[in-house]
Amino acid sequence: MRAELILKASALALTLGLCPMAASAQNLMGVRTIEPGDSNVTKIVKLGKDKSMVIELDRPAADIVITNPAIADATVQTAKRIIFRGIESGQTNAFIFDRDGNPLLNLEISVG
């Protein structure tokens, strides 16, 4: 009876995430989070309103996400060349990924 109670308590602890093993399961699932400005591929840039900058990448990009396209937008010239343009004053960021989903660049963009 006592062994059954311990087994049930252990199962409940795992379900609720109270054991270190449960927390590490997220890593085993391949979950990762990329926070703005929190990676080794982060670059802080300033753009003037209605001004552009050219980004040349070492590897081809497959996916570009701009958090607030009302502040800045991007035009893909080639898989390795992207042009960013400041639209309105403010801040946004852009994430650029390769075809395997690996981050190539995280731009922290300030337009003003």
Protein backbone atom coordinates (compact mmCIF):
# COMPACT_ATOMS: atom_id res chain seq x y z
CA MET A 1 0.00 0.00 0.00
CA ARG A 2 2.79 2.42 0.92
CA ALA A 3 4.66 1.66 -2.32
CA GLU A 4 1.49 2.37 -4.30
CA LEU A 5 1.09 5.72 -2.52
CA ILE A 6 4.71 6.69 -3.28
CA LEU A 7 4.24 5.70 -6.93
CA LYS A 8 1.10 7.83 -7.23
CA ALA A 9 2.80 10.80 -5.53
CA SER A 10 5.80 10.50 -7.88
CA ALA A 11 3.52 10.39 -10.93
CA LEU A 12 1.68 13.47 -9.69
CA ALA A 13 4.96 15.33 -9.08
CA LEU A 14 6.13 14.54 -12.61
CA THR A 15 2.80 15.65 -14.05
CA LEU A 16 2.92 18.95 -12.17
CA GLY A 17 6.53 19.58 -13.10
CA LEU A 18 7.83 19.41 -9.54
CA CYS A 19 10.77 17.16 -10.38
CA PRO A 20 13.92 18.25 -12.23
CA MET A 21 13.39 15.37 -14.65
CA ALA A 22 10.10 16.89 -15.82
CA ALA A 23 11.72 20.26 -16.43
CA SER A 24 14.48 18.74 -18.53
CA ALA A 25 11.89 16.97 -20.68
CA GLN A 26 11.26 20.25 -22.43
CA ASN A 27 14.86 20.25 -23.64
CA LEU A 28 14.53 16.66 -24.80
CA MET A 29 11.57 17.74 -26.92
CA GLY A 30 13.73 20.26 -28.76
CA VAL A 31 11.94 23.35 -27.44
CA ARG A 32 14.00 26.53 -27.54
CA THR A 33 13.15 30.16 -27.11
CA ILE A 34 14.91 33.07 -28.80
CA GLU A 35 14.32 36.31 -26.97
CA PRO A 36 14.94 39.67 -28.66
CA GLY A 37 18.53 40.75 -28.07
CA ASP A 38 19.34 37.50 -26.28
CA SER A 39 21.38 35.53 -28.81
CA ASN A 40 24.85 35.42 -30.29
CA VAL A 41 23.41 36.59 -33.63
CA THR A 42 21.90 39.84 -32.30
CA LYS A 43 22.74 43.17 -33.90
CA ILE A 44 21.36 46.54 -32.81
CA VAL A 45 20.75 48.92 -35.72
CA LYS A 46 19.35 52.42 -36.17
CA LEU A 47 17.46 53.42 -39.29
CA GLY A 48 16.20 56.82 -40.31
CA LYS A 49 12.59 57.14 -41.40
CA ASP A 50 12.42 56.38 -45.14
CA LYS A 51 16.05 55.19 -45.07
CA SER A 52 17.33 51.71 -45.93
CA MET A 53 20.15 49.39 -44.99
CA VAL A 54 21.46 46.32 -46.77
CA ILE A 55 22.15 43.11 -44.86
CA GLU A 56 24.52 40.61 -46.48
CA LEU A 57 24.34 37.12 -44.96
CA ASP A 58 26.96 34.35 -45.06
CA ARG A 59 24.27 31.68 -45.47
CA PRO A 60 20.95 31.77 -47.34
CA ALA A 61 17.89 32.93 -45.45
CA ALA A 62 14.62 31.03 -45.72
CA ASP A 63 12.35 32.87 -43.29
CA ILE A 64 12.14 36.48 -42.08
CA VAL A 65 9.84 37.64 -39.29
CA ILE A 66 9.40 41.35 -38.54
CA THR A 67 7.61 41.93 -35.26
CA ASN A 68 6.04 45.26 -36.24
CA PRO A 69 6.03 45.81 -40.02
CA ALA A 70 4.49 49.26 -39.48
CA ILE A 71 7.88 50.38 -38.08
CA ALA A 72 10.24 48.66 -40.57
CA ASP A 73 9.89 46.33 -43.50
CA ALA A 74 12.19 44.13 -45.55
CA THR A 75 12.69 43.31 -49.20
CA VAL A 76 14.51 40.10 -50.08
CA GLN A 77 16.82 40.75 -53.02
CA THR A 78 18.52 37.34 -52.91
CA ALA A 79 18.68 34.55 -50.33
CA LYS A 80 21.75 36.28 -48.88
CA ARG A 81 20.81 39.96 -49.38
CA ILE A 82 17.95 41.65 -47.52
CA ILE A 83 17.11 45.35 -47.55
CA PHE A 84 15.45 46.82 -44.45
CA ARG A 85 13.60 50.14 -44.61
CA GLY A 86 12.51 52.43 -41.78
CA ILE A 87 8.82 53.35 -42.11
CA GLU A 88 7.73 55.01 -38.84
CA SER A 89 9.52 56.11 -35.68
CA GLY A 90 9.65 53.38 -33.08
CA GLN A 91 11.28 50.07 -32.28
CA THR A 92 10.84 46.59 -33.68
CA ASN A 93 12.93 43.54 -34.31
CA ALA A 94 13.47 41.05 -37.10
CA PHE A 95 14.40 37.40 -36.92
CA ILE A 96 16.08 35.74 -39.90
CA PHE A 97 16.27 31.93 -40.07
CA ASP A 98 17.91 29.44 -42.42
CA ARG A 99 15.94 26.60 -44.02
CA ASP A 100 16.64 24.35 -41.01
CA GLY A 101 15.11 26.93 -38.66
CA ASN A 102 18.43 28.03 -37.20
CA PRO A 103 18.70 31.75 -36.40
CA LEU A 104 21.01 33.62 -38.75
CA LEU A 105 20.37 37.11 -37.41
CA ASN A 106 18.28 38.91 -34.82
CA LEU A 107 18.04 42.63 -35.63
CA GLU A 108 16.97 45.03 -32.91
CA ILE A 109 15.75 47.95 -35.07
CA SER A 110 15.24 51.50 -33.91
CA VAL A 111 13.69 53.89 -36.42
CA GLY A 112 13.77 57.60 -35.80
